[in-house]
Amino acid sequence: MAHKGYCPVCGIVHEKTACPSQRIAAGEPPYGYPDSSPMKESVKELTLAVRELALQIELLREELKRFMKEPGKNSTD
């Protein structure tokens, strides 16, 4: 029987050798789900969409920082 413990990757307690987050990030279904290619494709598509959203968020943060540095733009009057 595998040892269970807190996973710093996904923040839940599970078997140390079976991190669902790491499997999903690798394009594999979590344990207990069928190993089907449609699932893998969906996971890959979702992973790409999340990465794209993270990039957009980072770009918006940079734009906000630039906007806040402009004179007269950050006043609350």
PDB file of N, CA and C in Angstrom:
ATOM      1  N   MET A   1       0.844  -1.183   0.000  1.00  0.00           N
ATOM      2  CA  MET A   1       0.000   0.000   0.000  1.00  0.00           C
ATOM      3  C   MET A   1       0.884   1.240   0.000  1.00  0.00           C
ATOM      4  N   ALA A   2       0.574   2.178  -0.848  1.00  0.00           N
ATOM      5  CA  ALA A   2       1.373   3.403  -0.952  1.00  0.00           C
ATOM      6  C   ALA A   2       1.095   4.317   0.232  1.00  0.00           C
ATOM      7  N   HIS A   3       2.094   5.088   0.584  1.00  0.00           N
ATOM      8  CA  HIS A   3       1.947   6.038   1.676  1.00  0.00           C
ATOM      9  C   HIS A   3       1.186   7.257   1.195  1.00  0.00           C
ATOM     10  N   LYS A   4       0.327   7.778   2.064  1.00  0.00           N
ATOM     11  CA  LYS A   4      -0.411   8.987   1.721  1.00  0.00           C
ATOM     12  C   LYS A   4       0.231  10.165   2.421  1.00  0.00           C
ATOM     13  N   GLY A   5       0.097  11.323   1.814  1.00  0.00           N
ATOM     14  CA  GLY A   5       0.642  12.526   2.412  1.00  0.00           C
ATOM     15  C   GLY A   5       0.133  13.760   1.698  1.00  0.00           C
ATOM     16  N   TYR A   6       0.367  14.915   2.322  1.00  0.00           N
ATOM     17  CA  TYR A   6      -0.042  16.194   1.738  1.00  0.00           C
ATOM     18  C   TYR A   6       0.800  16.468   0.505  1.00  0.00           C
ATOM     19  N   CYS A   7       0.144  16.849  -0.576  1.00  0.00           N
ATOM     20  CA  CYS A   7       0.845  17.132  -1.827  1.00  0.00           C
ATOM     21  C   CYS A   7       0.971  18.641  -1.998  1.00  0.00           C
ATOM     22  N   PRO A   8       2.195  19.170  -2.074  1.00  0.00           N
ATOM     23  CA  PRO A   8       2.367  20.608  -2.269  1.00  0.00           C
ATOM     24  C   PRO A   8       1.969  21.074  -3.668  1.00  0.00           C
ATOM     25  N   VAL A   9       1.830  20.153  -4.612  1.00  0.00           N
ATOM     26  CA  VAL A   9       1.458  20.513  -5.982  1.00  0.00           C
ATOM     27  C   VAL A   9      -0.030  20.836  -6.070  1.00  0.00           C
ATOM     28  N   CYS A  10      -0.863  19.943  -5.547  1.00  0.00           N
ATOM     29  CA  CYS A  10      -2.309  20.139  -5.692  1.00  0.00           C
ATOM     30  C   CYS A  10      -3.001  20.508  -4.389  1.00  0.00           C
ATOM     31  N   GLY A  11      -2.307  20.392  -3.257  1.00  0.00           N
ATOM     32  CA  GLY A  11      -2.865  20.814  -1.980  1.00  0.00           C
ATOM     33  C   GLY A  11      -3.845  19.847  -1.349  1.00  0.00           C
ATOM     34  N   ILE A  12      -3.841  18.586  -1.783  1.00  0.00           N
ATOM     35  CA  ILE A  12      -4.719  17.602  -1.161  1.00  0.00           C
ATOM     36  C   ILE A  12      -3.891  16.422  -0.663  1.00  0.00           C
ATOM     37  N   VAL A  13      -4.506  15.601   0.178  1.00  0.00           N
ATOM     38  CA  VAL A  13      -3.840  14.402   0.675  1.00  0.00           C
ATOM     39  C   VAL A  13      -4.205  13.243  -0.249  1.00  0.00           C
ATOM     40  N   HIS A  14      -3.200  12.580  -0.785  1.00  0.00           N
ATOM     41  CA  HIS A  14      -3.419  11.427  -1.655  1.00  0.00           C
ATOM     42  C   HIS A  14      -2.171  10.565  -1.618  1.00  0.00           C
ATOM     43  N   GLU A  15      -2.227   9.442  -2.336  1.00  0.00           N
ATOM     44  CA  GLU A  15      -1.050   8.587  -2.407  1.00  0.00           C
ATOM     45  C   GLU A  15       0.081   9.369  -3.051  1.00  0.00           C
ATOM     46  N   LYS A  16       1.258   9.266  -2.473  1.00  0.00           N
ATOM     47  CA  LYS A  16       2.381  10.087  -2.929  1.00  0.00           C
ATOM     48  C   LYS A  16       2.788   9.805  -4.373  1.00  0.00           C
ATOM     49  N   THR A  17       2.450   8.648  -4.884  1.00  0.00           N
ATOM     50  CA  THR A  17       2.843   8.317  -6.259  1.00  0.00           C
ATOM     51  C   THR A  17       1.740   8.622  -7.266  1.00  0.00           C
ATOM     52  N   ALA A  18       0.626   9.193  -6.810  1.00  0.00           N
ATOM     53  CA  ALA A  18      -0.522   9.367  -7.704  1.00  0.00           C
ATOM     54  C   ALA A  18      -1.091  10.782  -7.656  1.00  0.00           C
ATOM     55  N   CYS A  19      -0.276  11.778  -7.953  1.00  0.00           N
ATOM     56  CA  CYS A  19      -0.761  13.160  -7.927  1.00  0.00           C
ATOM     57  C   CYS A  19      -1.647  13.421  -9.142  1.00  0.00           C
ATOM     58  N   PRO A  20      -2.943  13.660  -8.922  1.00  0.00           N
ATOM     59  CA  PRO A  20      -3.833  13.910 -10.055  1.00  0.00           C
ATOM     60  C   PRO A  20      -3.417  15.140 -10.857  1.00  0.00           C
ATOM     61  N   SER A  21      -2.958  16.179 -10.189  1.00  0.00           N
ATOM     62  CA  SER A  21      -2.572  17.411 -10.889  1.00  0.00           C
ATOM     63  C   SER A  21      -1.398  17.175 -11.828  1.00  0.00           C
ATOM     64  N   GLN A  22      -0.418  16.405 -11.379  1.00  0.00           N
ATOM     65  CA  GLN A  22       0.741  16.127 -12.227  1.00  0.00           C
ATOM     66  C   GLN A  22       0.349  15.264 -13.416  1.00  0.00           C
ATOM     67  N   ARG A  23      -0.543  14.309 -13.201  1.00  0.00           N
ATOM     68  CA  ARG A  23      -0.997  13.461 -14.311  1.00  0.00           C
ATOM     69  C   ARG A  23      -1.774  14.288 -15.321  1.00  0.00           C
ATOM     70  N   ILE A  24      -2.651  15.173 -14.850  1.00  0.00           N
ATOM     71  CA  ILE A  24      -3.441  16.009 -15.750  1.00  0.00           C
ATOM     72  C   ILE A  24      -2.520  16.941 -16.530  1.00  0.00           C
ATOM     73  N   ALA A  25      -1.541  17.532 -15.853  1.00  0.00           N
ATOM     74  CA  ALA A  25      -0.600  18.431 -16.527  1.00  0.00           C
ATOM     75  C   ALA A  25       0.198  17.693 -17.597  1.00  0.00           C
ATOM     76  N   ALA A  26       0.421  16.403 -17.385  1.00  0.00           N
ATOM     77  CA  ALA A  26       1.159  15.597 -18.358  1.00  0.00           C
ATOM     78  C   ALA A  26       0.250  15.094 -19.482  1.00  0.00           C
ATOM     79  N   GLY A  27      -1.032  15.473 -19.427  1.00  0.00           N
ATOM     80  CA  GLY A  27      -1.959  15.043 -20.466  1.00  0.00           C
ATOM     81  C   GLY A  27      -2.523  13.657 -20.241  1.00  0.00           C
ATOM     82  N   GLU A  28      -2.398  13.155 -19.010  1.00  0.00           N
ATOM     83  CA  GLU A  28      -2.921  11.839 -18.675  1.00  0.00           C
ATOM     84  C   GLU A  28      -4.132  12.006 -17.769  1.00  0.00           C
ATOM     85  N   PRO A  29      -5.105  11.100 -17.865  1.00  0.00           N
ATOM     86  CA  PRO A  29      -6.256  11.198 -16.971  1.00  0.00           C
ATOM     87  C   PRO A  29      -5.853  10.822 -15.545  1.00  0.00           C
ATOM     88  N   PRO A  30      -6.529  11.381 -14.528  1.00  0.00           N
ATOM     89  CA  PRO A  30      -6.231  10.989 -13.153  1.00  0.00           C
ATOM     90  C   PRO A  30      -6.532   9.506 -12.947  1.00  0.00           C
ATOM     91  N   TYR A  31      -5.949   8.922 -11.919  1.00  0.00           N
ATOM     92  CA  TYR A  31      -6.214   7.522 -11.615  1.00  0.00           C
ATOM     93  C   TYR A  31      -7.705   7.331 -11.385  1.00  0.00           C
ATOM     94  N   GLY A  32      -8.239   6.229 -11.866  1.00  0.00           N
ATOM     95  CA  GLY A  32      -9.647   5.937 -11.697  1.00  0.00           C
ATOM     96  C   GLY A  32     -10.489   6.345 -12.898  1.00  0.00           C
ATOM     97  N   TYR A  33      -9.915   7.095 -13.824  1.00  0.00           N
ATOM     98  CA  TYR A  33     -10.623   7.489 -15.033  1.00  0.00           C
ATOM     99  C   TYR A  33     -10.111   6.640 -16.187  1.00  0.00           C
ATOM    100  N   PRO A  34     -10.954   6.386 -17.181  1.00  0.00           N
ATOM    101  CA  PRO A  34     -10.491   5.579 -18.316  1.00  0.00           C
ATOM    102  C   PRO A  34      -9.367   6.279 -19.069  1.00  0.00           C
ATOM    103  N   ASP A  35      -8.445   5.496 -19.537  1.00  0.00           N
ATOM    104  CA  ASP A  35      -7.304   6.038 -20.280  1.00  0.00           C
ATOM    105  C   ASP A  35      -7.693   6.135 -21.753  1.00  0.00           C
ATOM    106  N   SER A  36      -8.492   7.139 -22.063  1.00  0.00           N
ATOM    107  CA  SER A  36      -8.966   7.281 -23.439  1.00  0.00           C
ATOM    108  C   SER A  36      -8.346   8.503 -24.090  1.00  0.00           C
ATOM    109  N   SER A  37      -8.133   8.416 -25.392  1.00  0.00           N
ATOM    110  CA  SER A  37      -7.516   9.533 -26.098  1.00  0.00           C
ATOM    111  C   SER A  37      -8.396  10.783 -26.116  1.00  0.00           C
ATOM    112  N   PRO A  38      -9.748  10.688 -26.177  1.00  0.00           N
ATOM    113  CA  PRO A  38     -10.531  11.928 -26.101  1.00  0.00           C
ATOM    114  C   PRO A  38     -10.288  12.673 -24.789  1.00  0.00           C
ATOM    115  N   MET A  39     -10.128  11.919 -23.710  1.00  0.00           N
ATOM    116  CA  MET A  39      -9.843  12.542 -22.413  1.00  0.00           C
ATOM    117  C   MET A  39      -8.495  13.249 -22.478  1.00  0.00           C
ATOM    118  N   LYS A  40      -7.500  12.589 -23.056  1.00  0.00           N
ATOM    119  CA  LYS A  40      -6.176  13.194 -23.162  1.00  0.00           C
ATOM    120  C   LYS A  40      -6.228  14.464 -24.003  1.00  0.00           C
ATOM    121  N   GLU A  41      -6.966  14.425 -25.103  1.00  0.00           N
ATOM    122  CA  GLU A  41      -7.076  15.606 -25.961  1.00  0.00           C
ATOM    123  C   GLU A  41      -7.776  16.738 -25.229  1.00  0.00           C
ATOM    124  N   SER A  42      -8.830  16.415 -24.482  1.00  0.00           N
ATOM    125  CA  SER A  42      -9.541  17.444 -23.720  1.00  0.00           C
ATOM    126  C   SER A  42      -8.631  18.068 -22.675  1.00  0.00           C
ATOM    127  N   VAL A  43      -7.856  17.234 -22.007  1.00  0.00           N
ATOM    128  CA  VAL A  43      -6.935  17.730 -20.989  1.00  0.00           C
ATOM    129  C   VAL A  43      -5.884  18.628 -21.632  1.00  0.00           C
ATOM    130  N   LYS A  44      -5.362  18.223 -22.772  1.00  0.00           N
ATOM    131  CA  LYS A  44      -4.364  19.046 -23.470  1.00  0.00           C
ATOM    132  C   LYS A  44      -4.965  20.387 -23.874  1.00  0.00           C
ATOM    133  N   GLU A  45      -6.191  20.359 -24.408  1.00  0.00           N
ATOM    134  CA  GLU A  45      -6.849  21.601 -24.808  1.00  0.00           C
ATOM    135  C   GLU A  45      -7.076  22.508 -23.608  1.00  0.00           C
ATOM    136  N   LEU A  46      -7.534  21.930 -22.502  1.00  0.00           N
ATOM    137  CA  LEU A  46      -7.761  22.728 -21.297  1.00  0.00           C
ATOM    138  C   LEU A  46      -6.457  23.279 -20.740  1.00  0.00           C
ATOM    139  N   THR A  47      -5.411  22.480 -20.777  1.00  0.00           N
ATOM    140  CA  THR A  47      -4.110  22.935 -20.291  1.00  0.00           C
ATOM    141  C   THR A  47      -3.618  24.113 -21.122  1.00  0.00           C
ATOM    142  N   LEU A  48      -3.753  24.022 -22.429  1.00  0.00           N
ATOM    143  CA  LEU A  48      -3.353  25.132 -23.301  1.00  0.00           C
ATOM    144  C   LEU A  48      -4.199  26.370 -23.040  1.00  0.00           C
ATOM    145  N   ALA A  49      -5.498  26.183 -22.830  1.00  0.00           N
ATOM    146  CA  ALA A  49      -6.380  27.318 -22.560  1.00  0.00           C
ATOM    147  C   ALA A  49      -6.005  27.998 -21.248  1.00  0.00           C
ATOM    148  N   VAL A  50      -5.678  27.208 -20.233  1.00  0.00           N
ATOM    149  CA  VAL A  50      -5.280  27.776 -18.941  1.00  0.00           C
ATOM    150  C   VAL A  50      -3.969  28.533 -19.079  1.00  0.00           C
ATOM    151  N   ARG A  51      -3.023  27.983 -19.812  1.00  0.00           N
ATOM    152  CA  ARG A  51      -1.746  28.681 -20.030  1.00  0.00           C
ATOM    153  C   ARG A  51      -1.964  29.995 -20.777  1.00  0.00           C
ATOM    154  N   GLU A  52      -2.859  29.964 -21.761  1.00  0.00           N
ATOM    155  CA  GLU A  52      -3.163  31.176 -22.521  1.00  0.00           C
ATOM    156  C   GLU A  52      -3.803  32.234 -21.621  1.00  0.00           C
ATOM    157  N   LEU A  53      -4.728  31.807 -20.763  1.00  0.00           N
ATOM    158  CA  LEU A  53      -5.346  32.744 -19.822  1.00  0.00           C
ATOM    159  C   LEU A  53      -4.324  33.307 -18.844  1.00  0.00           C
ATOM    160  N   ALA A  54      -3.414  32.468 -18.371  1.00  0.00           N
ATOM    161  CA  ALA A  54      -2.372  32.942 -17.457  1.00  0.00           C
ATOM    162  C   ALA A  54      -1.497  33.990 -18.137  1.00  0.00           C
ATOM    163  N   LEU A  55      -1.185  33.782 -19.398  1.00  0.00           N
ATOM    164  CA  LEU A  55      -0.393  34.756 -20.150  1.00  0.00           C
ATOM    165  C   LEU A  55      -1.162  36.066 -20.306  1.00  0.00           C
ATOM    166  N   GLN A  56      -2.453  35.979 -20.614  1.00  0.00           N
ATOM    167  CA  GLN A  56      -3.268  37.182 -20.747  1.00  0.00           C
ATOM    168  C   GLN A  56      -3.347  37.942 -19.426  1.00  0.00           C
ATOM    169  N   ILE A  57      -3.477  37.220 -18.319  1.00  0.00           N
ATOM    170  CA  ILE A  57      -3.514  37.860 -17.001  1.00  0.00           C
ATOM    171  C   ILE A  57      -2.209  38.580 -16.737  1.00  0.00           C
ATOM    172  N   GLU A  58      -1.093  37.940 -17.051  1.00  0.00           N
ATOM    173  CA  GLU A  58       0.215  38.566 -16.834  1.00  0.00           C
ATOM    174  C   GLU A  58       0.358  39.828 -17.682  1.00  0.00           C
ATOM    175  N   LEU A  59      -0.090  39.777 -18.936  1.00  0.00           N
ATOM    176  CA  LEU A  59      -0.034  40.959 -19.795  1.00  0.00           C
ATOM    177  C   LEU A  59      -0.906  42.084 -19.243  1.00  0.00           C
ATOM    178  N   LEU A  60      -2.078  41.738 -18.726  1.00  0.00           N
ATOM    179  CA  LEU A  60      -2.949  42.755 -18.127  1.00  0.00           C
ATOM    180  C   LEU A  60      -2.328  43.360 -16.872  1.00  0.00           C
ATOM    181  N   ARG A  61      -1.640  42.550 -16.085  1.00  0.00           N
ATOM    182  CA  ARG A  61      -0.947  43.072 -14.895  1.00  0.00           C
ATOM    183  C   ARG A  61       0.124  44.077 -15.292  1.00  0.00           C
ATOM    184  N   GLU A  62       0.894  43.732 -16.310  1.00  0.00           N
ATOM    185  CA  GLU A  62       1.939  44.644 -16.782  1.00  0.00           C
ATOM    186  C   GLU A  62       1.329  45.940 -17.307  1.00  0.00           C
ATOM    187  N   GLU A  63       0.230  45.819 -18.038  1.00  0.00           N
ATOM    188  CA  GLU A  63      -0.439  47.009 -18.566  1.00  0.00           C
ATOM    189  C   GLU A  63      -0.966  47.880 -17.425  1.00  0.00           C
ATOM    190  N   LEU A  64      -1.508  47.253 -16.396  1.00  0.00           N
ATOM    191  CA  LEU A  64      -2.004  47.997 -15.234  1.00  0.00           C
ATOM    192  C   LEU A  64      -0.863  48.707 -14.519  1.00  0.00           C
ATOM    193  N   LYS A  65       0.279  48.035 -14.381  1.00  0.00           N
ATOM    194  CA  LYS A  65       1.441  48.672 -13.749  1.00  0.00           C
ATOM    195  C   LYS A  65       1.871  49.903 -14.541  1.00  0.00           C
ATOM    196  N   ARG A  66       1.932  49.767 -15.871  1.00  0.00           N
ATOM    197  CA  ARG A  66       2.299  50.909 -16.719  1.00  0.00           C
ATOM    198  C   ARG A  66       1.285  52.036 -16.584  1.00  0.00           C
ATOM    199  N   PHE A  67       0.019  51.688 -16.566  1.00  0.00           N
ATOM    200  CA  PHE A  67      -1.048  52.675 -16.456  1.00  0.00           C
ATOM    201  C   PHE A  67      -0.950  53.427 -15.132  1.00  0.00           C
ATOM    202  N   MET A  68      -0.662  52.706 -14.053  1.00  0.00           N
ATOM    203  CA  MET A  68      -0.587  53.330 -12.731  1.00  0.00           C
ATOM    204  C   MET A  68       0.635  54.228 -12.601  1.00  0.00           C
ATOM    205  N   LYS A  69       1.666  54.012 -13.395  1.00  0.00           N
ATOM    206  CA  LYS A  69       2.870  54.841 -13.332  1.00  0.00           C
ATOM    207  C   LYS A  69       2.706  56.156 -14.085  1.00  0.00           C
ATOM    208  N   GLU A  70       1.726  56.242 -14.995  1.00  0.00           N
ATOM    209  CA  GLU A  70       1.529  57.464 -15.770  1.00  0.00           C
ATOM    210  C   GLU A  70       1.021  58.579 -14.859  1.00  0.00           C
ATOM    211  N   PRO A  71       1.577  59.787 -15.005  1.00  0.00           N
ATOM    212  CA  PRO A  71       1.150  60.906 -14.159  1.00  0.00           C
ATOM    213  C   PRO A  71      -0.331  61.230 -14.364  1.00  0.00           C
ATOM    214  N   GLY A  72      -1.014  61.456 -13.249  1.00  0.00           N
ATOM    215  CA  GLY A  72      -2.418  61.836 -13.307  1.00  0.00           C
ATOM    216  C   GLY A  72      -3.385  60.691 -13.521  1.00  0.00           C
ATOM    217  N   LYS A  73      -2.893  59.505 -13.775  1.00  0.00           N
ATOM    218  CA  LYS A  73      -3.780  58.368 -14.044  1.00  0.00           C
ATOM    219  C   LYS A  73      -4.195  57.641 -12.766  1.00  0.00           C
ATOM    220  N   ASN A  74      -3.392  57.778 -11.711  1.00  0.00           N
ATOM    221  CA  ASN A  74      -3.684  57.010 -10.511  1.00  0.00           C
ATOM    222  C   ASN A  74      -4.289  57.854  -9.401  1.00  0.00           C
ATOM    223  N   SER A  75      -4.783  59.045  -9.700  1.00  0.00           N
ATOM    224  CA  SER A  75      -5.398  59.858  -8.657  1.00  0.00           C
ATOM    225  C   SER A  75      -6.811  59.360  -8.392  1.00  0.00           C
ATOM    226  N   THR A  76      -7.264  59.559  -7.184  1.00  0.00           N
ATOM    227  CA  THR A  76      -8.600  59.108  -6.796  1.00  0.00           C
ATOM    228  C   THR A  76      -9.574  60.269  -6.715  1.00  0.00           C
ATOM    229  N   ASP A  77      -9.222  61.419  -7.277  1.00  0.00           N
ATOM    230  CA  ASP A  77     -10.099  62.604  -7.220  1.00  0.00           C
ATOM    231  C   ASP A  77     -11.341  62.412  -8.040  1.00  0.00           C
TER     232      ASP A  77
END
